[in-house]
């Protein structure tokens, strides 16, 4: 193999490996961000369920008070 061809192929290989490592790093970051978003979504759903429960309870209490006033 011609030395220039070998050097060119080695350079291409090194560049490809660098790009692959950069892609893996970006994928790892995306996975971490997705996990954080999923965690936040779970917390928000829990908070929403709690607020909905409290609202439903308060609504039932007020409805009962109105019925008693009739």
PDB file of N, CA and C in Angstrom:
ATOM      1  N   UNK A   1       0.852  -1.172   0.000  1.00  0.00           N
ATOM      2  CA  UNK A   1       0.000   0.000   0.000  1.00  0.00           C
ATOM      3  C   UNK A   1       0.900   1.237   0.000  1.00  0.00           C
ATOM      4  N   UNK A   2       0.517   2.196  -0.754  1.00  0.00           N
ATOM      5  CA  UNK A   2       1.265   3.446  -0.876  1.00  0.00           C
ATOM      6  C   UNK A   2       1.198   4.199   0.453  1.00  0.00           C
ATOM      7  N   UNK A   3       2.307   4.777   0.924  1.00  0.00           N
ATOM      8  CA  UNK A   3       2.309   5.476   2.218  1.00  0.00           C
ATOM      9  C   UNK A   3       1.275   6.597   2.304  1.00  0.00           C
ATOM     10  N   UNK A   4       1.062   7.329   1.217  1.00  0.00           N
ATOM     11  CA  UNK A   4       0.078   8.415   1.255  1.00  0.00           C
ATOM     12  C   UNK A   4      -1.333   7.853   1.420  1.00  0.00           C
ATOM     13  N   UNK A   5      -1.605   6.748   0.746  1.00  0.00           N
ATOM     14  CA  UNK A   5      -2.917   6.112   0.856  1.00  0.00           C
ATOM     15  C   UNK A   5      -3.141   5.625   2.283  1.00  0.00           C
ATOM     16  N   UNK A   6      -2.121   5.025   2.845  1.00  0.00           N
ATOM     17  CA  UNK A   6      -2.233   4.534   4.227  1.00  0.00           C
ATOM     18  C   UNK A   6      -2.452   5.697   5.186  1.00  0.00           C
ATOM     19  N   UNK A   7      -1.704   6.772   5.030  1.00  0.00           N
ATOM     20  CA  UNK A   7      -1.868   7.951   5.884  1.00  0.00           C
ATOM     21  C   UNK A   7      -3.269   8.537   5.737  1.00  0.00           C
ATOM     22  N   UNK A   8      -3.743   8.588   4.499  1.00  0.00           N
ATOM     23  CA  UNK A   8      -5.087   9.114   4.251  1.00  0.00           C
ATOM     24  C   UNK A   8      -6.139   8.235   4.932  1.00  0.00           C
ATOM     25  N   UNK A   9      -6.006   6.931   4.782  1.00  0.00           N
ATOM     26  CA  UNK A   9      -6.954   6.013   5.418  1.00  0.00           C
ATOM     27  C   UNK A   9      -6.886   6.103   6.937  1.00  0.00           C
ATOM     28  N   UNK A  10      -5.694   6.252   7.476  1.00  0.00           N
ATOM     29  CA  UNK A  10      -5.542   6.387   8.930  1.00  0.00           C
ATOM     30  C   UNK A  10      -6.200   7.678   9.413  1.00  0.00           C
ATOM     31  N   UNK A  11      -6.021   8.749   8.646  1.00  0.00           N
ATOM     32  CA  UNK A  11      -6.659  10.023   9.002  1.00  0.00           C
ATOM     33  C   UNK A  11      -8.174   9.897   8.968  1.00  0.00           C
ATOM     34  N   UNK A  12      -8.694   9.237   7.936  1.00  0.00           N
ATOM     35  CA  UNK A  12     -10.148   9.046   7.828  1.00  0.00           C
ATOM     36  C   UNK A  12     -10.666   8.199   8.981  1.00  0.00           C
ATOM     37  N   UNK A  13      -9.920   7.166   9.330  1.00  0.00           N
ATOM     38  CA  UNK A  13     -10.305   6.309  10.447  1.00  0.00           C
ATOM     39  C   UNK A  13     -10.321   7.099  11.748  1.00  0.00           C
ATOM     40  N   UNK A  14      -9.286   7.890  11.977  1.00  0.00           N
ATOM     41  CA  UNK A  14      -9.220   8.702  13.195  1.00  0.00           C
ATOM     42  C   UNK A  14     -10.381   9.687  13.262  1.00  0.00           C
ATOM     43  N   UNK A  15     -10.697  10.323  12.133  1.00  0.00           N
ATOM     44  CA  UNK A  15     -11.813  11.265  12.088  1.00  0.00           C
ATOM     45  C   UNK A  15     -13.132  10.544  12.355  1.00  0.00           C
ATOM     46  N   UNK A  16     -13.305   9.384  11.764  1.00  0.00           N
ATOM     47  CA  UNK A  16     -14.527   8.607  11.969  1.00  0.00           C
ATOM     48  C   UNK A  16     -14.672   8.191  13.430  1.00  0.00           C
ATOM     49  N   UNK A  17     -13.591   7.764  14.041  1.00  0.00           N
ATOM     50  CA  UNK A  17     -13.632   7.390  15.461  1.00  0.00           C
ATOM     51  C   UNK A  17     -13.966   8.588  16.331  1.00  0.00           C
ATOM     52  N   UNK A  18     -13.394   9.739  16.010  1.00  0.00           N
ATOM     53  CA  UNK A  18     -13.680  10.961  16.758  1.00  0.00           C
ATOM     54  C   UNK A  18     -15.165  11.314  16.640  1.00  0.00           C
ATOM     55  N   UNK A  19     -15.694  11.246  15.414  1.00  0.00           N
ATOM     56  CA  UNK A  19     -17.110  11.549  15.198  1.00  0.00           C
ATOM     57  C   UNK A  19     -18.004  10.549  15.924  1.00  0.00           C
ATOM     58  N   UNK A  20     -17.605   9.295  15.933  1.00  0.00           N
ATOM     59  CA  UNK A  20     -18.368   8.271  16.644  1.00  0.00           C
ATOM     60  C   UNK A  20     -18.395   8.559  18.143  1.00  0.00           C
ATOM     61  N   UNK A  21     -17.247   8.883  18.712  1.00  0.00           N
ATOM     62  CA  UNK A  21     -17.181   9.198  20.141  1.00  0.00           C
ATOM     63  C   UNK A  21     -18.020  10.429  20.463  1.00  0.00           C
ATOM     64  N   UNK A  22     -17.985  11.427  19.585  1.00  0.00           N
ATOM     65  CA  UNK A  22     -18.802  12.624  19.797  1.00  0.00           C
ATOM     66  C   UNK A  22     -20.287  12.269  19.729  1.00  0.00           C
ATOM     67  N   UNK A  23     -20.650  11.396  18.801  1.00  0.00           N
ATOM     68  CA  UNK A  23     -22.040  10.960  18.691  1.00  0.00           C
ATOM     69  C   UNK A  23     -22.496  10.194  19.918  1.00  0.00           C
ATOM     70  N   UNK A  24     -21.640   9.350  20.436  1.00  0.00           N
ATOM     71  CA  UNK A  24     -21.965   8.599  21.656  1.00  0.00           C
ATOM     72  C   UNK A  24     -22.151   9.564  22.830  1.00  0.00           C
ATOM     73  N   UNK A  25     -21.293  10.563  22.927  1.00  0.00           N
ATOM     74  CA  UNK A  25     -21.409  11.551  24.005  1.00  0.00           C
ATOM     75  C   UNK A  25     -22.731  12.312  23.887  1.00  0.00           C
ATOM     76  N   UNK A  26     -23.102  12.703  22.672  1.00  0.00           N
ATOM     77  CA  UNK A  26     -24.380  13.405  22.473  1.00  0.00           C
ATOM     78  C   UNK A  26     -25.554  12.498  22.825  1.00  0.00           C
ATOM     79  N   UNK A  27     -25.460  11.238  22.457  1.00  0.00           N
ATOM     80  CA  UNK A  27     -26.530  10.291  22.777  1.00  0.00           C
ATOM     81  C   UNK A  27     -26.653  10.109  24.289  1.00  0.00           C
ATOM     82  N   UNK A  28     -25.522  10.015  24.974  1.00  0.00           N
ATOM     83  CA  UNK A  28     -25.540   9.894  26.437  1.00  0.00           C
ATOM     84  C   UNK A  28     -26.197  11.116  27.073  1.00  0.00           C
ATOM     85  N   UNK A  29     -25.870  12.300  26.566  1.00  0.00           N
ATOM     86  CA  UNK A  29     -26.478  13.530  27.085  1.00  0.00           C
ATOM     87  C   UNK A  29     -27.983  13.533  26.834  1.00  0.00           C
ATOM     88  N   UNK A  30     -28.385  13.090  25.651  1.00  0.00           N
ATOM     89  CA  UNK A  30     -29.810  13.048  25.321  1.00  0.00           C
ATOM     90  C   UNK A  30     -30.552  12.078  26.233  1.00  0.00           C
ATOM     91  N   UNK A  31     -29.944  10.944  26.525  1.00  0.00           N
ATOM     92  CA  UNK A  31     -30.562   9.969  27.430  1.00  0.00           C
ATOM     93  C   UNK A  31     -30.715  10.576  28.823  1.00  0.00           C
ATOM     94  N   UNK A  32     -29.680  11.251  29.302  1.00  0.00           N
ATOM     95  CA  UNK A  32     -29.744  11.878  30.623  1.00  0.00           C
ATOM     96  C   UNK A  32     -30.830  12.951  30.662  1.00  0.00           C
ATOM     97  N   UNK A  33     -30.907  13.765  29.618  1.00  0.00           N
ATOM     98  CA  UNK A  33     -31.939  14.799  29.564  1.00  0.00           C
ATOM     99  C   UNK A  33     -33.329  14.175  29.528  1.00  0.00           C
ATOM    100  N   UNK A  34     -33.487  13.090  28.789  1.00  0.00           N
ATOM    101  CA  UNK A  34     -34.779  12.409  28.716  1.00  0.00           C
ATOM    102  C   UNK A  34     -35.162  11.827  30.075  1.00  0.00           C
ATOM    103  N   UNK A  35     -34.184  11.280  30.795  1.00  0.00           N
ATOM    104  CA  UNK A  35     -34.457  10.732  32.124  1.00  0.00           C
ATOM    105  C   UNK A  35     -34.872  11.844  33.085  1.00  0.00           C
ATOM    106  N   UNK A  36     -34.205  12.990  32.998  1.00  0.00           N
ATOM    107  CA  UNK A  36     -34.565  14.120  33.851  1.00  0.00           C
ATOM    108  C   UNK A  36     -35.967  14.620  33.517  1.00  0.00           C
ATOM    109  N   UNK A  37     -36.278  14.711  32.230  1.00  0.00           N
ATOM    110  CA  UNK A  37     -37.608  15.155  31.815  1.00  0.00           C
ATOM    111  C   UNK A  37     -38.673  14.175  32.287  1.00  0.00           C
ATOM    112  N   UNK A  38     -38.389  12.891  32.194  1.00  0.00           N
ATOM    113  CA  UNK A  38     -39.331  11.877  32.650  1.00  0.00           C
ATOM    114  C   UNK A  38     -39.565  11.984  34.150  1.00  0.00           C
ATOM    115  N   UNK A  39     -38.501  12.233  34.889  1.00  0.00           N
ATOM    116  CA  UNK A  39     -38.618  12.399  36.338  1.00  0.00           C
ATOM    117  C   UNK A  39     -39.458  13.627  36.673  1.00  0.00           C
ATOM    118  N   UNK A  40     -39.209  14.724  35.977  1.00  0.00           N
ATOM    119  CA  UNK A  40     -39.988  15.942  36.207  1.00  0.00           C
ATOM    120  C   UNK A  40     -41.453  15.715  35.862  1.00  0.00           C
ATOM    121  N   UNK A  41     -41.707  15.002  34.770  1.00  0.00           N
ATOM    122  CA  UNK A  41     -43.079  14.711  34.371  1.00  0.00           C
ATOM    123  C   UNK A  41     -43.782  13.878  35.434  1.00  0.00           C
ATOM    124  N   UNK A  42     -43.099  12.903  35.988  1.00  0.00           N
ATOM    125  CA  UNK A  42     -43.689  12.073  37.042  1.00  0.00           C
ATOM    126  C   UNK A  42     -44.040  12.915  38.262  1.00  0.00           C
ATOM    127  N   UNK A  43     -43.121  13.810  38.640  1.00  0.00           N
ATOM    128  CA  UNK A  43     -43.383  14.685  39.784  1.00  0.00           C
ATOM    129  C   UNK A  43     -44.575  15.591  39.514  1.00  0.00           C
ATOM    130  N   UNK A  44     -44.643  16.135  38.299  1.00  0.00           N
ATOM    131  CA  UNK A  44     -45.748  17.028  37.958  1.00  0.00           C
ATOM    132  C   UNK A  44     -47.077  16.281  37.942  1.00  0.00           C
ATOM    133  N   UNK A  45     -47.067  15.043  37.439  1.00  0.00           N
ATOM    134  CA  UNK A  45     -48.297  14.246  37.434  1.00  0.00           C
ATOM    135  C   UNK A  45     -48.760  13.961  38.853  1.00  0.00           C
ATOM    136  N   UNK A  46     -47.817  13.662  39.724  1.00  0.00           N
ATOM    137  CA  UNK A  46     -48.149  13.402  41.121  1.00  0.00           C
ATOM    138  C   UNK A  46     -48.730  14.653  41.775  1.00  0.00           C
ATOM    139  N   UNK A  47     -48.086  15.786  41.515  1.00  0.00           N
ATOM    140  CA  UNK A  47     -48.572  17.053  42.075  1.00  0.00           C
ATOM    141  C   UNK A  47     -49.957  17.383  41.529  1.00  0.00           C
ATOM    142  N   UNK A  48     -50.170  17.162  40.246  1.00  0.00           N
ATOM    143  CA  UNK A  48     -51.472  17.418  39.640  1.00  0.00           C
ATOM    144  C   UNK A  48     -52.543  16.520  40.252  1.00  0.00           C
ATOM    145  N   UNK A  49     -52.228  15.266  40.466  1.00  0.00           N
ATOM    146  CA  UNK A  49     -53.189  14.341  41.076  1.00  0.00           C
ATOM    147  C   UNK A  49     -53.539  14.794  42.486  1.00  0.00           C
ATOM    148  N   UNK A  50     -52.536  15.268  43.220  1.00  0.00           N
ATOM    149  CA  UNK A  50     -52.774  15.763  44.574  1.00  0.00           C
ATOM    150  C   UNK A  50     -53.666  17.001  44.551  1.00  0.00           C
ATOM    151  N   UNK A  51     -53.369  17.919  43.641  1.00  0.00           N
ATOM    152  CA  UNK A  51     -54.185  19.132  43.530  1.00  0.00           C
ATOM    153  C   UNK A  51     -55.610  18.795  43.105  1.00  0.00           C
ATOM    154  N   UNK A  52     -55.748  17.862  42.173  1.00  0.00           N
ATOM    155  CA  UNK A  52     -57.079  17.463  41.711  1.00  0.00           C
ATOM    156  C   UNK A  52     -57.867  16.839  42.862  1.00  0.00           C
ATOM    157  N   UNK A  53     -57.213  16.009  43.644  1.00  0.00           N
ATOM    158  CA  UNK A  53     -57.871  15.365  44.780  1.00  0.00           C
ATOM    159  C   UNK A  53     -58.330  16.413  45.794  1.00  0.00           C
ATOM    160  N   UNK A  54     -57.438  17.362  46.088  1.00  0.00           N
ATOM    161  CA  UNK A  54     -57.792  18.428  47.032  1.00  0.00           C
ATOM    162  C   UNK A  54     -58.959  19.259  46.493  1.00  0.00           C
ATOM    163  N   UNK A  55     -58.905  19.592  45.211  1.00  0.00           N
ATOM    164  CA  UNK A  55     -59.973  20.378  44.594  1.00  0.00           C
ATOM    165  C   UNK A  55     -61.296  19.617  44.647  1.00  0.00           C
ATOM    166  N   UNK A  56     -61.272  18.338  44.308  1.00  0.00           N
ATOM    167  CA  UNK A  56     -62.494  17.528  44.340  1.00  0.00           C
ATOM    168  C   UNK A  56     -63.065  17.453  45.753  1.00  0.00           C
ATOM    169  N   UNK A  57     -62.176  17.303  46.740  1.00  0.00           N
ATOM    170  CA  UNK A  57     -62.620  17.236  48.136  1.00  0.00           C
ATOM    171  C   UNK A  57     -63.259  18.563  48.556  1.00  0.00           C
ATOM    172  N   UNK A  58     -62.606  19.679  48.219  1.00  0.00           N
ATOM    173  CA  UNK A  58     -63.144  20.994  48.572  1.00  0.00           C
ATOM    174  C   UNK A  58     -64.463  21.254  47.855  1.00  0.00           C
ATOM    175  N   UNK A  59     -64.556  20.836  46.603  1.00  0.00           N
ATOM    176  CA  UNK A  59     -65.793  21.004  45.850  1.00  0.00           C
ATOM    177  C   UNK A  59     -66.920  20.203  46.491  1.00  0.00           C
ATOM    178  N   UNK A  60     -66.631  18.985  46.907  1.00  0.00           N
ATOM    179  CA  UNK A  60     -67.644  18.151  47.563  1.00  0.00           C
ATOM    180  C   UNK A  60     -68.094  18.792  48.873  1.00  0.00           C
ATOM    181  N   UNK A  61     -67.142  19.353  49.634  1.00  0.00           N
ATOM    182  CA  UNK A  61     -67.494  20.018  50.893  1.00  0.00           C
ATOM    183  C   UNK A  61     -68.383  21.225  50.637  1.00  0.00           C
ATOM    184  N   UNK A  62     -68.040  22.034  49.647  1.00  0.00           N
ATOM    185  CA  UNK A  62     -68.843  23.228  49.342  1.00  0.00           C
ATOM    186  C   UNK A  62     -70.221  22.828  48.821  1.00  0.00           C
ATOM    187  N   UNK A  63     -70.278  21.784  48.021  1.00  0.00           N
ATOM    188  CA  UNK A  63     -71.565  21.310  47.508  1.00  0.00           C
ATOM    189  C   UNK A  63     -72.441  20.839  48.659  1.00  0.00           C
ATOM    190  N   UNK A  64     -71.833  20.135  49.604  1.00  0.00           N
ATOM    191  CA  UNK A  64     -72.579  19.663  50.774  1.00  0.00           C
ATOM    192  C   UNK A  64     -73.080  20.845  51.601  1.00  0.00           C
ATOM    193  N   UNK A  65     -72.243  21.859  51.776  1.00  0.00           N
ATOM    194  CA  UNK A  65     -72.660  23.053  52.519  1.00  0.00           C
ATOM    195  C   UNK A  65     -73.842  23.729  51.834  1.00  0.00           C
ATOM    196  N   UNK A  66     -73.801  23.830  50.506  1.00  0.00           N
ATOM    197  CA  UNK A  66     -74.905  24.444  49.770  1.00  0.00           C
ATOM    198  C   UNK A  66     -76.181  23.632  49.914  1.00  0.00           C
ATOM    199  N   UNK A  67     -76.063  22.321  49.874  1.00  0.00           N
ATOM    200  CA  UNK A  67     -77.237  21.459  50.026  1.00  0.00           C
ATOM    201  C   UNK A  67     -77.845  21.622  51.418  1.00  0.00           C
ATOM    202  N   UNK A  68     -76.989  21.781  52.430  1.00  0.00           N
ATOM    203  CA  UNK A  68     -77.481  21.950  53.798  1.00  0.00           C
ATOM    204  C   UNK A  68     -78.182  23.287  53.968  1.00  0.00           C
ATOM    205  N   UNK A  69     -77.784  24.298  53.200  1.00  0.00           N
ATOM    206  CA  UNK A  69     -78.398  25.620  53.293  1.00  0.00           C
ATOM    207  C   UNK A  69     -79.791  25.647  52.669  1.00  0.00           C
ATOM    208  N   UNK A  70     -80.077  24.714  51.766  1.00  0.00           N
ATOM    209  CA  UNK A  70     -81.378  24.719  51.073  1.00  0.00           C
ATOM    210  C   UNK A  70     -82.510  24.357  51.975  1.00  0.00           C
TER     211      UNK A  70
END
